[in-house]
């Protein structure tokens, strides 16, 4: 099989081309920072919040009542 005479496209060039195509399609890049759900601190904070909610409303009736009051259910 003959070798290609084209030089390989370097990653920065490929990325620049990709970004150019995306911008031409009317899109723009956005960077979003979100919590790392794998971090032990995040897991501990979630558990602490869940325990606090459960201790305040063991049956969940208050929370479910609030959801029923605030959510507009569709007329199916």
Protein backbone atom coordinates (compact mmCIF):
# COMPACT_ATOMS: atom_id res chain seq x y z
CA UNK A 1 0.00 0.00 0.00
CA UNK A 2 1.52 3.37 -0.98
CA UNK A 3 2.25 5.93 1.68
CA UNK A 4 0.23 9.11 1.76
CA UNK A 5 2.07 12.19 0.59
CA UNK A 6 -0.04 14.43 2.80
CA UNK A 7 1.51 15.53 6.05
CA UNK A 8 -0.38 14.58 9.20
CA UNK A 9 -2.58 17.30 10.64
CA UNK A 10 -1.40 18.27 14.10
CA UNK A 11 -3.93 18.33 16.98
CA UNK A 12 -3.88 22.14 17.41
CA UNK A 13 -4.66 22.53 13.70
CA UNK A 14 -7.47 19.97 13.89
CA UNK A 15 -8.94 21.74 16.91
CA UNK A 16 -8.74 25.14 15.23
CA UNK A 17 -10.49 23.73 12.18
CA UNK A 18 -13.17 22.14 14.35
CA UNK A 19 -13.78 25.39 16.24
CA UNK A 20 -13.97 27.30 12.98
CA UNK A 21 -16.61 24.88 11.63
CA UNK A 22 -18.61 25.10 14.85
CA UNK A 23 -18.54 28.90 14.79
CA UNK A 24 -19.60 28.85 11.15
CA UNK A 25 -22.57 26.73 12.24
CA UNK A 26 -23.57 29.52 14.66
CA UNK A 27 -22.21 27.90 17.83
CA UNK A 28 -19.78 29.24 20.39
CA UNK A 29 -17.59 27.47 22.95
CA UNK A 30 -18.65 27.59 26.60
CA UNK A 31 -16.72 26.26 29.56
CA UNK A 32 -18.79 25.03 32.50
CA UNK A 33 -17.39 24.10 35.90
CA UNK A 34 -19.45 21.59 37.86
CA UNK A 35 -18.88 19.87 41.20
CA UNK A 36 -16.71 16.77 41.08
CA UNK A 37 -19.22 14.12 42.16
CA UNK A 38 -16.35 11.67 42.70
CA UNK A 39 -14.71 13.82 45.37
CA UNK A 40 -15.09 12.47 48.93
CA UNK A 41 -16.02 15.96 50.17
CA UNK A 42 -18.91 16.15 47.70
CA UNK A 43 -20.21 12.73 48.71
CA UNK A 44 -19.97 13.66 52.40
CA UNK A 45 -21.85 16.92 51.82
CA UNK A 46 -24.63 15.07 49.94
CA UNK A 47 -24.98 12.54 52.74
CA UNK A 48 -25.07 15.29 55.36
CA UNK A 49 -27.78 17.18 53.47
CA UNK A 50 -29.82 14.02 52.96
CA UNK A 51 -29.58 13.22 56.69
CA UNK A 52 -30.65 16.77 57.57
CA UNK A 53 -33.70 16.56 55.31
CA UNK A 54 -34.61 13.10 56.62
CA UNK A 55 -34.29 14.26 60.24
CA UNK A 56 -36.49 17.28 59.60
CA UNK A 57 -39.17 15.41 57.66
CA UNK A 58 -38.78 11.65 58.21
CA UNK A 59 -41.72 10.64 56.02
CA UNK A 60 -41.04 13.17 53.29
CA UNK A 61 -44.63 14.42 53.52
CA UNK A 62 -43.66 18.08 53.75
CA UNK A 63 -41.43 17.90 50.70
CA UNK A 64 -43.95 15.91 48.65
CA UNK A 65 -46.68 18.35 49.67
CA UNK A 66 -44.55 21.26 48.52
CA UNK A 67 -43.91 19.54 45.17
CA UNK A 68 -47.64 18.93 44.72
CA UNK A 69 -48.39 22.60 45.47
CA UNK A 70 -45.72 24.11 43.22
CA UNK A 71 -45.58 21.78 40.23
CA UNK A 72 -48.15 22.26 37.49
CA UNK A 73 -49.15 18.75 36.49
CA UNK A 74 -50.26 18.36 32.87
CA UNK A 75 -53.90 17.59 32.16
CA UNK A 76 -53.31 14.29 30.41
